[in-house]
Protein backbone atom coordinates (compact mmCIF):
# COMPACT_ATOMS: atom_id res chain seq x y z
CA UNK A 1 11.45 -9.34 22.69
CA UNK A 2 10.11 -12.52 24.39
CA UNK A 3 8.44 -15.40 22.34
CA UNK A 4 5.02 -14.92 21.00
CA UNK A 5 2.86 -18.12 21.90
CA UNK A 6 0.07 -18.81 19.20
CA UNK A 7 -2.87 -18.92 21.83
CA UNK A 8 -1.64 -15.28 23.20
CA UNK A 9 -1.70 -14.01 19.59
CA UNK A 10 -5.13 -15.40 18.92
CA UNK A 11 -6.52 -14.18 22.29
CA UNK A 12 -5.06 -10.65 21.64
CA UNK A 13 -7.04 -10.38 18.24
CA UNK A 14 -10.09 -12.05 19.68
CA UNK A 15 -10.22 -9.63 22.81
CA UNK A 16 -9.61 -6.52 20.64
CA UNK A 17 -12.36 -7.31 18.34
CA UNK A 18 -10.64 -8.36 15.14
CA UNK A 19 -12.79 -10.03 12.53
CA UNK A 20 -12.16 -13.67 11.81
CA UNK A 21 -11.92 -14.04 7.95
CA UNK A 22 -11.54 -17.84 7.97
CA UNK A 23 -8.54 -20.11 7.29
CA UNK A 24 -5.63 -19.07 5.27
CA UNK A 25 -4.83 -21.89 2.76
CA UNK A 26 -1.41 -22.86 1.77
CA UNK A 27 -0.18 -25.11 -0.94
CA UNK A 28 -1.61 -27.99 0.76
CA UNK A 29 -4.88 -26.31 0.72
CA UNK A 30 -5.58 -27.54 4.45
CA UNK A 31 -5.56 -24.23 5.94
CA UNK A 32 -2.97 -23.94 8.66
CA UNK A 33 -3.62 -20.43 9.79
CA UNK A 34 -6.51 -18.18 10.84
CA UNK A 35 -6.95 -14.79 9.33
CA UNK A 36 -7.80 -11.78 11.14
CA UNK A 37 -8.54 -8.22 9.89
CA UNK A 38 -8.99 -4.77 11.98
CA UNK A 39 -10.14 -1.70 10.37
CA UNK A 40 -8.83 1.34 12.36
CA UNK A 41 -10.67 4.71 12.75
CA UNK A 42 -8.15 6.18 10.31
CA UNK A 43 -9.16 3.70 7.60
CA UNK A 44 -6.03 1.64 7.79
CA UNK A 45 -6.72 -2.22 7.55
CA UNK A 46 -4.39 -4.41 9.64
CA UNK A 47 -4.40 -8.11 8.75
CA UNK A 48 -2.61 -10.91 10.56
CA UNK A 49 -2.54 -14.64 10.46
CA UNK A 50 -2.43 -16.98 13.59
CA UNK A 51 -1.32 -20.51 13.55
CA UNK A 52 -3.74 -23.08 14.62
CA UNK A 53 -1.10 -24.76 16.68
CA UNK A 54 -0.21 -24.34 20.50
CA UNK A 55 3.45 -23.57 19.80
CA UNK A 56 5.29 -20.20 19.73
CA UNK A 57 7.26 -17.78 17.65
CA UNK A 58 10.59 -17.81 19.47
CA UNK A 59 12.76 -15.74 17.07
CA UNK A 60 12.35 -12.25 18.10
CA UNK A 61 12.74 -10.76 14.64
CA UNK A 62 9.33 -12.41 13.37
CA UNK A 63 7.98 -11.38 16.73
CA UNK A 64 8.87 -8.01 16.30
CA UNK A 65 7.61 -7.92 12.79
CA UNK A 66 4.10 -9.16 13.90
CA UNK A 67 3.79 -6.61 16.65
CA UNK A 68 4.98 -3.78 14.56
CA UNK A 69 3.82 -4.45 11.17
CA UNK A 70 0.55 -6.63 11.59
CA UNK A 71 -0.76 -5.76 14.99
CA UNK A 72 0.70 -2.09 15.24
CA UNK A 73 1.03 -2.76 19.17
CA UNK A 74 3.87 -2.70 21.63
CA UNK A 75 4.64 -5.93 23.56
CA UNK A 76 3.68 -4.27 26.66
CA UNK A 77 0.24 -3.18 25.29
CA UNK A 78 -0.12 -6.83 23.82
CA UNK A 79 0.77 -8.65 27.11
CA UNK A 80 -1.74 -6.24 29.11
CA UNK A 81 -4.52 -6.98 26.54
CA UNK A 82 -3.96 -10.66 26.82
CA UNK A 83 -3.24 -10.75 30.55
CA UNK A 84 -5.93 -8.17 31.64
CA UNK A 85 -8.25 -7.61 28.87
CA UNK A 86 -7.22 -4.02 28.53
CA UNK A 87 -7.25 -2.80 24.72
CA UNK A 88 -4.21 -1.28 23.39
CA UNK A 89 -4.54 2.54 22.59
CA UNK A 90 -5.35 3.13 19.08
CA UNK A 91 -5.18 6.56 17.25
CA UNK A 92 -8.17 8.86 17.22
CA UNK A 93 -9.79 9.45 13.92
CA UNK A 94 -7.89 11.87 12.04
CA UNK A 95 -8.88 15.43 11.40
CA UNK A 96 -10.89 16.05 8.22
CA UNK A 97 -8.84 16.76 5.12
CA UNK A 98 -7.74 20.41 4.18
CA UNK A 99 -9.85 22.26 1.67
CA UNK A 100 -7.24 22.10 -0.95
CA UNK A 101 -7.05 18.26 -0.62
CA UNK A 102 -10.55 17.51 -2.22
CA UNK A 103 -10.99 13.74 -3.35
CA UNK A 104 -11.84 13.38 -6.91
CA UNK A 105 -15.29 11.93 -7.97
CA UNK A 106 -14.10 8.47 -9.36
CA UNK A 107 -12.16 7.84 -6.17
CA UNK A 108 -15.25 8.58 -3.87
CA UNK A 109 -17.42 6.53 -6.30
CA UNK A 110 -15.06 3.46 -5.92
CA UNK A 111 -14.75 3.90 -2.14
CA UNK A 112 -18.51 3.94 -1.99
CA UNK A 113 -19.52 1.29 -4.57
CA UNK A 114 -16.36 -1.03 -4.32
CA UNK A 115 -15.17 -0.75 -0.84
CA UNK A 116 -18.58 0.06 0.87
CA UNK A 117 -17.49 3.18 2.90
CA UNK A 118 -20.23 5.70 3.80
CA UNK A 119 -19.88 9.29 2.56
CA UNK A 120 -19.37 10.13 6.20
CA UNK A 121 -16.49 7.77 6.55
CA UNK A 122 -14.79 9.11 3.14
CA UNK A 123 -15.06 12.82 4.42
CA UNK A 124 -12.63 12.03 7.12
CA UNK A 125 -10.11 10.53 4.88
CA UNK A 126 -7.12 12.18 3.45
CA UNK A 127 -6.57 12.11 -0.13
CA UNK A 128 -3.44 9.78 0.57
CA UNK A 129 -5.39 7.64 3.02
CA UNK A 130 -8.59 7.40 0.62
CA UNK A 131 -6.28 6.25 -2.24
CA UNK A 132 -4.39 3.54 0.05
CA UNK A 133 -7.93 2.31 1.21
CA UNK A 134 -9.32 1.75 -2.43
CA UNK A 135 -5.81 -0.13 -3.41
CA UNK A 136 -5.89 -2.24 -0.26
CA UNK A 137 -9.41 -3.22 -0.28
CA UNK A 138 -9.44 -3.90 -4.11
CA UNK A 139 -6.43 -6.11 -3.66
CA UNK A 140 -7.88 -8.17 -0.83
CA UNK A 141 -11.21 -8.48 -2.91
CA UNK A 142 -9.02 -10.46 -5.76
CA UNK A 143 -7.55 -13.08 -3.42
């Protein structure tokens, strides 16, 4: 795993169209990282922080964690996006949920009112994905 320069990390998220959510504030309240978010077609939300600095992350373990856990991308796909502007492959929207997997009314109401999803978007979610989306978005709302 090669080092991950902060400018390359930032260029990747900006090229792929991640939403800049502002500055992450640490204990010093100065904001040393940019926060980015990407909502995938599946309803999953990817969140990453990019340092303001021009340095790089040299340790392969944090680099691997950022690529897999935060960016959900392979190193070659990241490099191709940064170097050539080629967007990484992302999964297509999942199939509609099975008939026996209907969402309860309270969950649907929360996804519409509190999360802001349309009924068409909700219809594409599995029960598990709908619950995860509701919990993830509510947690982020409290931050």
